[in-house]
Protein backbone atom coordinates (compact mmCIF):
# COMPACT_ATOMS: atom_id res chain seq x y z
CA MET A 1 21.67 17.54 2.15
CA ARG A 2 21.94 20.14 4.68
CA ILE A 3 22.55 19.12 8.39
CA ALA A 4 19.06 20.32 9.45
CA LEU A 5 17.33 18.40 6.30
CA LYS A 6 19.28 15.29 7.46
CA ARG A 7 17.91 15.24 10.83
CA GLU A 8 14.30 15.61 9.27
CA TYR A 9 15.27 12.73 6.71
CA TRP A 10 15.66 10.15 9.72
CA LEU A 11 12.65 11.51 11.65
CA VAL A 12 10.75 10.78 8.26
CA SER A 13 11.99 7.58 8.00
CA GLY A 14 11.42 6.81 11.68
CA LEU A 15 7.66 7.50 10.81
CA LEU A 16 7.61 5.13 7.99
CA PHE A 17 9.49 2.52 10.11
CA PHE A 18 7.08 2.63 13.02
CA PHE A 19 3.96 2.82 11.00
CA PHE A 20 4.76 -0.22 9.11
CA PHE A 21 5.84 -1.77 12.34
CA ALA A 22 2.21 -1.38 13.69
CA TRP A 23 0.58 -2.05 10.33
CA SER A 24 2.70 -5.47 10.03
CA SER A 25 2.13 -6.35 13.78
CA SER A 26 -1.63 -6.47 13.55
CA TYR A 27 -2.03 -7.42 10.07
CA SER A 28 0.16 -9.68 8.42
CA LEU A 29 -1.18 -12.47 10.23
CA PHE A 30 -4.53 -11.09 10.09
CA SER A 31 -5.96 -13.87 8.00
CA ILE A 32 -4.62 -16.50 10.51
CA TRP A 33 -6.20 -14.75 13.28
CA LEU A 34 -9.57 -14.52 12.14
CA HIS A 35 -9.22 -18.54 11.22
CA ARG A 36 -7.31 -19.76 13.96
CA ILE A 37 -8.55 -17.45 16.93
CA ILE A 38 -11.90 -16.17 15.69
CA GLY A 39 -12.79 -19.41 13.97
CA LEU A 40 -14.01 -17.84 10.96
CA ASN A 41 -14.10 -20.10 7.65
CA GLY A 42 -12.60 -19.00 4.16
CA THR A 43 -16.08 -17.42 2.80
CA GLU A 44 -16.38 -15.22 6.07
CA ILE A 45 -12.90 -14.28 5.88
CA GLY A 46 -13.54 -13.07 2.45
CA PHE A 47 -16.62 -11.17 3.57
CA ILE A 48 -14.41 -9.44 6.05
CA PHE A 49 -11.73 -8.25 3.53
CA ALA A 50 -14.37 -7.10 1.13
CA ALA A 51 -15.82 -5.04 3.90
CA ASN A 52 -12.46 -3.68 4.81
CA ALA A 53 -11.95 -2.83 1.12
CA VAL A 54 -15.43 -1.18 1.01
CA ALA A 55 -14.62 0.92 4.14
CA ALA A 56 -11.01 1.90 2.85
CA LEU A 57 -12.59 2.59 -0.82
CA LEU A 58 -14.46 5.37 0.70
CA VAL A 59 -12.17 6.73 2.93
CA GLN A 60 -9.05 7.04 0.71
CA PRO A 61 -10.38 9.45 -1.92
CA PHE A 62 -11.13 11.55 1.33
CA TYR A 63 -7.85 11.22 2.68
CA GLY A 64 -6.37 11.94 -0.59
CA ALA A 65 -7.87 15.02 -1.08
CA LEU A 66 -7.75 16.33 2.39
CA GLN A 67 -4.10 15.73 2.65
CA ASP A 68 -3.41 17.69 -0.68
CA ARG A 69 -5.46 20.51 0.61
CA LEU A 70 -3.48 20.27 3.82
CA GLY A 71 -0.08 20.06 2.03
CA LEU A 72 2.75 19.78 4.42
CA SER A 73 0.53 19.83 7.54
CA ARG A 74 0.89 17.17 9.99
CA LYS A 75 -2.82 16.93 11.28
CA LEU A 76 -3.95 14.18 9.34
CA LEU A 77 -0.65 11.92 10.30
CA ALA A 78 -1.37 13.02 13.98
CA TRP A 79 -4.86 11.54 13.64
CA ILE A 80 -3.65 8.46 12.21
CA GLY A 81 -1.36 8.09 14.96
CA VAL A 82 -3.69 8.32 17.48
CA LEU A 83 -5.63 5.58 15.89
CA LEU A 84 -2.26 3.19 15.85
CA THR A 85 -2.22 3.99 19.49
CA SER A 86 -5.73 2.49 19.88
CA ILE A 87 -5.38 -0.79 17.94
CA ALA A 88 -4.55 -2.99 20.84
CA PRO A 89 -7.91 -1.93 23.09
CA PHE A 90 -9.79 -2.07 19.98
CA ALA A 91 -8.94 -5.30 18.87
CA ILE A 92 -8.65 -7.20 21.94
CA TYR A 93 -11.74 -5.95 23.52
CA VAL A 94 -13.90 -4.49 20.57
CA TYR A 95 -13.50 -6.38 17.43
CA ALA A 96 -12.62 -10.01 18.56
CA GLU A 97 -15.77 -9.88 20.53
CA LEU A 98 -18.02 -8.41 17.92
CA LEU A 99 -16.92 -10.94 15.56
CA GLY A 100 -17.58 -13.87 18.05
CA GLN A 101 -21.14 -12.61 18.42
CA ASN A 102 -22.07 -11.49 15.27
CA VAL A 103 -19.47 -11.68 11.92
CA PHE A 104 -21.58 -9.47 10.04
CA TRP A 105 -21.60 -6.17 12.63
CA GLY A 106 -18.05 -7.00 13.52
CA ALA A 107 -16.88 -6.79 10.13
CA LEU A 108 -18.38 -3.42 9.80
CA VAL A 109 -16.91 -1.95 12.72
CA GLY A 110 -13.71 -3.40 12.27
CA ALA A 111 -13.55 -2.31 8.76
CA ALA A 112 -14.32 1.39 9.56
CA PHE A 113 -11.62 1.43 12.10
CA LEU A 114 -8.93 -0.53 9.99
CA ALA A 115 -9.51 1.82 7.01
CA PHE A 116 -8.91 5.13 8.86
CA ALA A 117 -5.94 3.64 10.69
CA VAL A 118 -3.98 1.56 8.19
CA LEU A 119 -5.59 0.45 4.90
CA ALA A 120 -6.20 4.52 3.84
CA GLY A 121 -3.71 5.89 6.17
CA VAL A 122 -0.57 4.09 4.30
CA GLY A 123 -1.30 5.89 1.39
CA VAL A 124 -1.29 9.28 3.16
CA ILE A 125 1.94 8.52 4.93
CA GLU A 126 3.48 7.02 1.67
CA SER A 127 2.37 10.23 -0.57
CA TYR A 128 3.45 12.45 2.38
CA THR A 129 6.65 11.41 2.17
CA GLU A 130 6.85 11.67 -1.58
CA ARG A 131 5.80 14.99 -1.25
CA LEU A 132 8.71 15.79 1.46
CA SER A 133 11.16 14.16 -0.60
CA ARG A 134 10.49 16.39 -3.41
CA HIS A 135 10.52 19.47 -0.87
CA ALA A 136 13.70 18.17 0.72
CA GLY A 137 15.65 16.52 -2.41
CA PHE A 138 16.07 13.19 -0.78
CA GLU A 139 14.92 9.99 -2.94
CA PHE A 140 11.75 8.65 -2.06
CA GLY A 141 12.77 5.06 -2.33
CA THR A 142 15.61 5.22 0.15
CA THR A 143 13.18 6.71 2.61
CA ARG A 144 10.34 4.02 1.71
CA MET A 145 13.12 1.39 2.50
CA TRP A 146 12.66 2.18 6.34
CA GLY A 147 8.69 1.11 6.00
CA SER A 148 9.99 -2.01 4.43
CA LEU A 149 12.34 -2.61 7.19
CA GLY A 150 9.64 -1.95 9.92
CA TRP A 151 7.21 -4.43 8.43
CA ALA A 152 10.08 -7.13 8.35
CA VAL A 153 11.02 -6.65 11.99
CA ALA A 154 7.60 -6.70 12.92
CA THR A 155 6.79 -9.83 11.16
CA GLY A 156 9.91 -11.68 12.20
CA ILE A 157 8.75 -10.82 15.78
CA VAL A 158 4.98 -11.64 15.26
CA GLY A 159 5.66 -15.16 13.51
CA ILE A 160 7.22 -15.94 17.13
CA VAL A 161 4.76 -14.34 19.67
CA PHE A 162 1.55 -14.93 17.87
CA ASN A 163 1.85 -18.86 19.12
CA ILE A 164 2.44 -17.52 22.71
CA ASN A 165 -0.73 -14.78 22.66
CA PRO A 166 -2.12 -13.27 19.87
CA ASN A 167 -2.75 -10.09 21.82
CA ILE A 168 0.82 -9.35 21.97
CA VAL A 169 0.69 -8.35 18.41
CA PHE A 170 -1.75 -5.71 18.98
CA CYS A 171 -0.16 -4.44 21.91
CA MET A 172 3.03 -4.05 19.59
CA SER A 173 0.67 -1.88 17.21
CA SER A 174 -0.19 0.41 19.98
CA ILE A 175 3.53 0.94 21.34
CA SER A 176 4.43 1.55 17.83
CA GLY A 177 1.61 4.13 17.62
CA LEU A 178 3.02 6.06 20.66
CA ILE A 179 6.26 5.99 18.99
CA PHE A 180 4.93 7.30 15.65
CA LEU A 181 3.36 10.27 17.68
CA LEU A 182 6.70 11.05 19.39
CA ILE A 183 8.59 11.20 16.28
CA LEU A 184 5.82 13.27 14.33
CA SER A 185 6.00 15.78 17.36
CA ARG A 186 9.68 16.32 16.60
CA LEU A 187 9.43 16.98 13.17
CA ASP A 188 10.28 20.60 12.14
CA MET A 189 8.19 21.64 9.36
CA ASP A 190 9.97 25.00 8.56
CA VAL A 191 12.83 23.27 7.24
CA PHE A 192 10.75 21.71 4.48
CA LYS A 193 8.60 25.00 3.83
CA SER A 194 11.73 27.02 3.39
CA ASN A 195 12.91 24.62 0.37
CA GLU A 196 9.26 24.78 -0.97
CA PRO A 197 9.46 25.08 -4.64
CA GLN A 198 7.86 28.25 -6.12
CA GLY A 199 5.26 28.17 -8.79
CA ILE A 200 2.44 25.67 -9.76
CA GLU A 201 3.02 23.21 -6.63
CA SER A 202 2.49 26.15 -4.09
CA VAL A 203 -1.01 27.01 -5.64
CA PRO A 204 -3.51 25.84 -3.08
CA VAL A 205 -5.46 22.52 -4.39
CA LYS A 206 -9.13 23.00 -5.15
CA PHE A 207 -12.06 20.29 -5.67
CA ALA A 208 -12.44 21.40 -8.87
CA ASP A 209 -8.79 20.67 -9.73
CA ILE A 210 -9.27 17.00 -8.41
CA PHE A 211 -12.43 16.34 -10.49
CA GLN A 212 -10.41 17.54 -13.41
CA LEU A 213 -8.62 14.06 -13.37
CA LEU A 214 -11.88 12.02 -14.51
CA HIS A 215 -11.64 13.64 -17.91
CA LEU A 216 -8.12 12.37 -18.59
CA PRO A 217 -8.28 9.20 -20.31
CA ARG A 218 -4.64 8.64 -19.03
CA PHE A 219 -6.39 8.52 -15.43
CA TRP A 220 -8.57 5.64 -16.41
CA ALA A 221 -5.78 3.78 -18.38
CA PHE A 222 -3.74 4.12 -14.83
CA SER A 223 -6.58 3.04 -12.94
CA LEU A 224 -7.27 0.14 -15.06
CA PHE A 225 -3.74 -1.16 -14.59
CA LEU A 226 -4.09 -0.87 -10.63
CA THR A 227 -7.22 -2.23 -10.49
CA GLY A 228 -6.86 -5.23 -12.95
CA VAL A 229 -3.48 -6.01 -11.92
CA ALA A 230 -2.57 -4.39 -8.42
CA GLY A 231 -5.97 -5.06 -7.15
CA ILE A 232 -6.22 -8.58 -8.09
CA TYR A 233 -2.69 -9.19 -6.53
CA MET A 234 -4.06 -7.60 -3.25
CA ILE A 235 -6.74 -10.31 -3.20
CA TYR A 236 -4.30 -13.20 -3.80
CA GLU A 237 -2.32 -11.82 -0.54
CA GLN A 238 -5.17 -11.85 1.57
CA GLN A 239 -5.30 -15.30 2.84
CA PHE A 240 -1.92 -16.35 1.28
CA PRO A 241 -0.64 -17.18 4.79
CA VAL A 242 -3.65 -19.55 5.57
CA TYR A 243 -2.51 -21.56 2.21
CA PHE A 244 1.18 -21.41 2.84
CA SER A 245 0.64 -22.91 6.49
CA SER A 246 -0.96 -25.51 4.81
CA PHE A 247 2.27 -26.97 3.36
CA PHE A 248 3.40 -27.66 6.87
CA PRO A 249 2.69 -30.34 9.59
CA THR A 250 0.86 -28.25 11.89
CA GLU A 251 -0.65 -24.73 11.69
CA GLU A 252 1.77 -23.50 14.39
CA ILE A 253 4.65 -24.54 12.50
CA GLY A 254 3.45 -23.14 9.46
CA THR A 255 2.39 -19.56 11.13
CA ARG A 256 6.05 -19.52 12.27
CA ALA A 257 7.75 -20.38 9.21
CA TYR A 258 5.67 -17.73 7.33
CA GLY A 259 6.79 -14.96 9.83
CA TYR A 260 10.35 -16.05 9.31
CA LEU A 261 9.95 -16.16 5.30
CA ASN A 262 7.95 -12.78 5.40
CA SER A 263 10.33 -10.80 7.38
CA SER A 264 13.21 -12.17 4.88
CA GLN A 265 11.04 -11.28 2.08
CA VAL A 266 10.48 -7.71 3.14
CA LEU A 267 14.06 -7.16 4.27
CA LEU A 268 15.31 -8.05 0.90
CA GLU A 269 12.61 -5.90 -0.15
CA ALA A 270 14.14 -3.18 1.59
CA LEU A 271 17.39 -3.53 0.31
CA LEU A 272 15.93 -3.78 -3.44
CA MET A 273 14.34 -0.21 -2.37
CA LEU A 274 17.69 1.38 -2.88
CA PHE A 275 17.99 -0.09 -6.60
CA ALA A 276 14.34 0.44 -7.91
CA PRO A 277 14.67 4.10 -8.68
CA TRP A 278 17.76 2.90 -10.89
CA VAL A 279 15.87 0.40 -12.68
CA VAL A 280 12.65 2.61 -13.19
CA MET A 281 14.78 5.16 -14.39
CA ARG A 282 15.97 2.90 -17.12
CA THR A 283 12.71 1.01 -18.11
CA GLY A 284 10.73 4.37 -17.75
CA ALA A 285 7.38 4.72 -15.55
CA LYS A 286 5.10 2.55 -18.12
CA TYR A 287 7.48 -0.50 -18.64
CA GLY A 288 8.32 -0.45 -14.55
CA LEU A 289 4.85 -1.07 -14.03
CA LEU A 290 4.47 -3.63 -16.70
CA LEU A 291 7.78 -5.20 -15.56
CA ALA A 292 6.10 -5.37 -11.68
CA GLY A 293 2.94 -6.88 -13.05
CA SER A 294 4.62 -9.51 -14.89
CA ILE A 295 6.04 -10.56 -11.40
CA MET A 296 2.90 -10.39 -9.84
CA PHE A 297 1.61 -12.52 -12.60
CA LEU A 298 4.42 -15.13 -12.27
CA ARG A 299 3.92 -15.62 -8.64
CA ILE A 300 0.20 -15.79 -8.71
CA ILE A 301 0.74 -18.70 -11.30
CA GLY A 302 3.50 -20.23 -9.52
CA SER A 303 1.51 -20.38 -6.28
CA GLY A 304 -1.26 -22.21 -8.21
CA LEU A 305 1.11 -24.73 -9.69
CA ALA A 306 3.38 -25.24 -6.41
CA THR A 307 3.45 -28.74 -4.96
CA ASP A 308 6.25 -28.30 -2.04
CA ILE A 309 7.48 -25.47 0.47
CA TRP A 310 10.30 -24.55 -1.57
CA VAL A 311 8.22 -23.45 -4.65
CA ILE A 312 6.11 -21.52 -2.63
CA SER A 313 8.57 -19.97 -0.42
CA ALA A 314 10.30 -18.80 -3.90
CA CYS A 315 6.90 -17.44 -4.84
CA LYS A 316 6.53 -15.20 -1.91
CA MET A 317 10.13 -14.11 -2.15
CA LEU A 318 9.43 -12.87 -5.61
CA HIS A 319 7.35 -10.14 -3.99
CA ALA A 320 10.79 -8.82 -2.75
CA ILE A 321 11.35 -7.55 -6.49
CA GLU A 322 8.04 -6.58 -7.18
CA VAL A 323 6.87 -4.34 -4.45
CA PRO A 324 9.77 -1.75 -5.17
CA ILE A 325 9.67 -1.78 -8.71
CA LEU A 326 5.67 -1.06 -8.17
CA LEU A 327 5.98 1.83 -5.69
CA VAL A 328 8.68 3.72 -7.49
CA SER A 329 7.04 3.13 -10.95
CA VAL A 330 3.35 4.26 -9.83
CA PHE A 331 5.12 7.77 -8.11
CA LYS A 332 7.31 8.32 -11.49
CA TYR A 333 4.21 7.47 -13.59
CA ILE A 334 2.20 10.11 -11.75
CA ALA A 335 5.14 12.55 -11.86
CA VAL A 336 5.38 12.15 -15.61
CA ASN A 337 1.80 12.52 -16.32
CA PHE A 338 0.03 14.31 -13.90
CA GLU A 339 0.13 17.48 -11.52
CA ALA A 340 2.80 17.11 -8.94
CA ARG A 341 -0.03 18.96 -6.40
CA LEU A 342 -2.22 16.06 -6.58
CA SER A 343 -0.02 13.18 -6.05
CA ALA A 344 -1.99 12.25 -2.86
CA THR A 345 -4.93 12.36 -4.56
CA LEU A 346 -3.66 10.36 -7.45
CA TYR A 347 -2.03 7.63 -5.17
CA LEU A 348 -4.76 7.21 -2.90
CA VAL A 349 -7.56 7.25 -5.79
CA CYS A 350 -5.70 5.40 -8.36
CA PHE A 351 -3.49 3.05 -6.46
CA GLN A 352 -4.98 2.36 -3.18
CA PHE A 353 -8.53 2.94 -4.21
CA ALA A 354 -8.46 0.94 -7.20
CA GLN A 355 -6.88 -1.78 -4.98
CA GLN A 356 -9.89 -1.85 -2.53
CA LEU A 357 -12.15 -1.70 -5.27
CA THR A 358 -11.12 -5.00 -6.84
CA ALA A 359 -11.04 -6.81 -2.96
CA MET A 360 -14.40 -5.22 -2.52
CA LEU A 361 -15.78 -6.92 -5.76
CA LEU A 362 -13.94 -10.16 -5.81
CA SER A 363 -13.14 -10.99 -2.09
CA PRO A 364 -16.28 -12.73 -1.47
CA ALA A 365 -16.32 -14.89 -4.35
CA VAL A 366 -12.71 -15.56 -3.85
CA GLY A 367 -13.23 -16.62 -0.50
CA TYR A 368 -15.91 -18.98 -1.42
CA GLY A 369 -13.45 -20.31 -4.07
CA TYR A 370 -11.08 -21.17 -1.42
CA ASP A 371 -13.57 -23.28 0.31
CA SER A 372 -15.27 -25.09 -2.74
CA ILE A 373 -12.44 -25.67 -5.09
CA GLY A 374 -9.17 -24.91 -3.48
CA PHE A 375 -6.53 -22.24 -3.03
CA ALA A 376 -4.46 -23.59 -6.25
CA ASN A 377 -7.30 -23.41 -8.77
CA VAL A 378 -8.53 -19.96 -7.51
CA TYR A 379 -5.00 -18.74 -7.97
CA LEU A 380 -4.95 -19.82 -11.75
CA VAL A 381 -8.22 -17.99 -12.53
CA LEU A 382 -6.73 -15.02 -10.66
CA GLY A 383 -3.27 -15.25 -12.64
CA CYS A 384 -5.02 -15.51 -15.71
CA LEU A 385 -7.12 -12.09 -15.05
CA VAL A 386 -3.75 -10.40 -14.26
CA GLY A 387 -2.36 -11.77 -17.83
CA VAL A 388 -5.47 -10.23 -19.46
CA CYS A 389 -5.01 -6.76 -17.73
CA LEU A 390 -1.24 -6.75 -18.59
CA LEU A 391 -1.82 -7.22 -22.13
CA LEU A 392 -4.48 -4.41 -22.26
CA SER A 393 -2.22 -2.30 -20.36
CA TRP A 394 0.67 -2.66 -22.59
CA SER A 395 -1.29 -0.44 -25.33
CA LEU A 396 -3.27 1.64 -22.73
CA LEU A 397 -0.67 3.21 -20.47
CA ARG A 398 1.38 6.16 -21.39
CA GLY A 399 4.80 6.15 -22.30
CA ASP A 400 7.56 8.75 -20.78
CA LEU A 401 7.39 11.84 -22.72
CA PRO A 402 9.76 14.73 -23.47
CA ARG A 403 8.78 17.26 -21.29
CA THR A 404 9.42 21.15 -21.08
CA ASN A 405 11.45 22.51 -18.14
CA GLU A 406 8.37 23.73 -16.51
CA SER A 407 6.46 20.59 -16.93
CA ARG A 408 9.49 18.55 -15.60
CA SER A 409 9.42 20.74 -12.46
CA VAL A 410 5.62 20.87 -11.54
CA GLY A 411 4.37 17.72 -13.14
CA LEU A 412 1.21 20.10 -14.86
CA GLU A 413 -0.83 18.06 -17.20
CA PHE A 414 -4.17 20.36 -17.17
CA PRO A 415 -5.18 23.68 -16.20
CA VAL A 416 -5.48 24.99 -12.82
CA ALA A 417 -7.58 27.81 -11.76
CA GLY A 418 -5.66 30.90 -12.04
CA VAL A 419 -2.42 29.51 -13.85
CA LYS A 420 -1.79 29.68 -17.68
CA VAL A 421 -0.03 26.74 -18.89
CA PRO A 422 0.72 25.44 -22.71
CA ASN A 423 -1.87 23.47 -24.75
CA ARG A 424 -0.59 19.79 -24.85
CA CYS A 425 -1.97 17.15 -27.14
CA GLU A 426 -4.52 14.50 -24.86
CA HIS A 427 -3.52 11.00 -25.10
């Protein structure tokens, strides 16, 4: 890697670090903040997560299409950085006040802000990083590791300062947003543009190209996996900190312990990001996805059966193995089966959008279930749903296929206006 690219690699890694630091600071204990500080019950918290999911659902396709059209432009990332700097004043003076007065309106306003800032923003920065990695020749997993480190460092701090003053965690997010913008301003895009591959990826993205995805069966098979497996897993994660804290004598001790455990888990996750590409290279994208889904299944079922702190902690640590494999497998599956130019759209629609769709549909019912039949029983039901989707995905997902030099370099899978490609059999 040339010296100029090494400099940009560290800047891109810094963007990931401080984005995830900002997100984790304000969101890793979000359910505990809603429960302890705002005073909401499980059903109300489930409604808020559903509202967040609906907002992200609406923003993600827009963000994905816009980023694909912008290509290497930093404009969308700058917008997200501005929102990150606004987290503290919004959360402290607007969001908390609205939720205290009216949960419905507070949820709607908060969902819109969170969707534009982090819930859809994370897909933008991850897909943007993956795009830069293809231009510069560095490994996505190695760069994404810094995002995990940012989350880990933040959760370790949040678990301590939250018990001192919850507002501190939102101030941490805003400060991280300022650093994010500073790093972004130092990024030299000419270095990446000089390495831009010539050919199909340089063809401007049109909305007609994006809608072509809806005609591909493999697009819907991929979406099914991410909706039924990753989406349900996201619901399981929403109020897990509250459940984990219930294993301790007091909520304060449980919150602090969760901060330490979550930080340890994400540190291990960051380390394993280095090895995930090696694993997925040998399993293939399809079986990498199924492996990650199987770990999710074990963790959800294990949480429902857990009776002590050590078992529930072990279930949490499995997250460190599953996330790196899932992320690398998702991008590899996109690269193998779809067109590289549409990576942001595919990532935000198939991965992020599918997760939010599931959360929107199930969060209120799951929240009610926590209040009525308890966390453990709900987790067993969710685990069974994931198991069914895994079995379906085993036959529906497409395995890695031998590819020509042309298709391997650009990931072309369907015709684009003005570009001729060989006909390929549809699966």
